[in-house]
Amino acid sequence: MTLRGTVTGELRKGIVLHPDPVRRARLEKGKREVLAQWLDGRILGIADDIAERWGELSRG
């Protein structure tokens, strides 16, 4: 299984836009743990740090 780098950016965007800071922190932790465990080394396209930054910047 692989994942495009832009998908990690979209996930990040959704997390930063979440209105509840407690839920936002839980989502971020879960995303980090799940992606690291399941998709380590299998994210295609752009670098993970770029996707993360894109997600933050594109929140509208």
C-alpha atoms as a PDB file:
ATOM      1  CA  MET A   1       0.000   0.000   0.000  1.00  0.00           C
ATOM      2  CA  THR A   2       1.258   3.472  -0.867  1.00  0.00           C
ATOM      3  CA  LEU A   3      -0.022   6.989  -0.333  1.00  0.00           C
ATOM      4  CA  ARG A   4       0.563  10.164  -2.302  1.00  0.00           C
ATOM      5  CA  GLY A   5       2.319  12.925  -0.377  1.00  0.00           C
ATOM      6  CA  THR A   6      -0.516  15.321  -1.124  1.00  0.00           C
ATOM      7  CA  VAL A   7      -2.857  13.125   0.907  1.00  0.00           C
ATOM      8  CA  THR A   8      -0.763  13.720   4.029  1.00  0.00           C
ATOM      9  CA  GLY A   9      -1.110  17.439   3.319  1.00  0.00           C
ATOM     10  CA  GLU A  10      -4.871  17.113   3.033  1.00  0.00           C
ATOM     11  CA  LEU A  11      -4.992  15.248   6.341  1.00  0.00           C
ATOM     12  CA  ARG A  12      -2.903  17.980   7.967  1.00  0.00           C
ATOM     13  CA  LYS A  13      -5.197  20.657   6.539  1.00  0.00           C
ATOM     14  CA  GLY A  14      -8.247  18.973   8.023  1.00  0.00           C
ATOM     15  CA  ILE A  15      -6.571  18.647  11.400  1.00  0.00           C
ATOM     16  CA  VAL A  16      -5.463  22.294  11.623  1.00  0.00           C
ATOM     17  CA  LEU A  17      -8.956  23.452  10.662  1.00  0.00           C
ATOM     18  CA  HIS A  18     -10.651  21.432  13.405  1.00  0.00           C
ATOM     19  CA  PRO A  19     -12.176  23.862  15.919  1.00  0.00           C
ATOM     20  CA  ASP A  20     -11.569  21.787  19.076  1.00  0.00           C
ATOM     21  CA  PRO A  21      -7.902  21.970  20.210  1.00  0.00           C
ATOM     22  CA  VAL A  22      -8.147  18.779  22.274  1.00  0.00           C
ATOM     23  CA  ARG A  23      -9.565  16.803  19.354  1.00  0.00           C
ATOM     24  CA  ARG A  24      -7.030  18.446  17.014  1.00  0.00           C
ATOM     25  CA  ALA A  25      -4.148  17.200  19.203  1.00  0.00           C
ATOM     26  CA  ARG A  26      -5.603  13.673  19.298  1.00  0.00           C
ATOM     27  CA  LEU A  27      -6.056  13.638  15.524  1.00  0.00           C
ATOM     28  CA  GLU A  28      -2.476  14.827  14.973  1.00  0.00           C
ATOM     29  CA  LYS A  29      -1.089  12.153  17.289  1.00  0.00           C
ATOM     30  CA  GLY A  30      -3.181   9.461  15.622  1.00  0.00           C
ATOM     31  CA  LYS A  31      -2.166  10.570  12.130  1.00  0.00           C
ATOM     32  CA  ARG A  32       1.501  10.547  13.072  1.00  0.00           C
ATOM     33  CA  GLU A  33       1.318   7.100  14.653  1.00  0.00           C
ATOM     34  CA  VAL A  34      -0.785   5.471  11.938  1.00  0.00           C
ATOM     35  CA  LEU A  35       1.176   6.879   9.012  1.00  0.00           C
ATOM     36  CA  ALA A  36       4.499   6.007  10.625  1.00  0.00           C
ATOM     37  CA  GLN A  37       3.406   2.446  11.377  1.00  0.00           C
ATOM     38  CA  TRP A  38       1.517   1.576   8.194  1.00  0.00           C
ATOM     39  CA  LEU A  39       3.100   3.683   5.501  1.00  0.00           C
ATOM     40  CA  ASP A  40       6.716   4.226   6.523  1.00  0.00           C
ATOM     41  CA  GLY A  41       8.711   4.641   3.330  1.00  0.00           C
ATOM     42  CA  ARG A  42       5.684   4.226   1.086  1.00  0.00           C
ATOM     43  CA  ILE A  43       4.511   7.811   0.629  1.00  0.00           C
ATOM     44  CA  LEU A  44       4.865   8.880  -2.988  1.00  0.00           C
ATOM     45  CA  GLY A  45       5.242  12.242  -4.638  1.00  0.00           C
ATOM     46  CA  ILE A  46       6.381  15.018  -2.349  1.00  0.00           C
ATOM     47  CA  ALA A  47       8.386  14.919   0.852  1.00  0.00           C
ATOM     48  CA  ASP A  48       6.404  14.488   4.043  1.00  0.00           C
ATOM     49  CA  ASP A  49       7.626  17.748   5.574  1.00  0.00           C
ATOM     50  CA  ILE A  50       6.537  19.674   2.471  1.00  0.00           C
ATOM     51  CA  ALA A  51       3.099  18.051   2.567  1.00  0.00           C
ATOM     52  CA  GLU A  52       2.750  18.920   6.241  1.00  0.00           C
ATOM     53  CA  ARG A  53       3.716  22.546   5.628  1.00  0.00           C
ATOM     54  CA  TRP A  54       1.372  22.754   2.631  1.00  0.00           C
ATOM     55  CA  GLY A  55      -1.456  21.549   4.851  1.00  0.00           C
ATOM     56  CA  GLU A  56      -0.763  24.296   7.361  1.00  0.00           C
ATOM     57  CA  LEU A  57      -0.482  27.041   4.744  1.00  0.00           C
ATOM     58  CA  SER A  58      -3.535  26.025   2.735  1.00  0.00           C
ATOM     59  CA  ARG A  59      -5.998  26.075   5.586  1.00  0.00           C
ATOM     60  CA  GLY A  60      -7.707  29.034   4.037  1.00  0.00           C
END
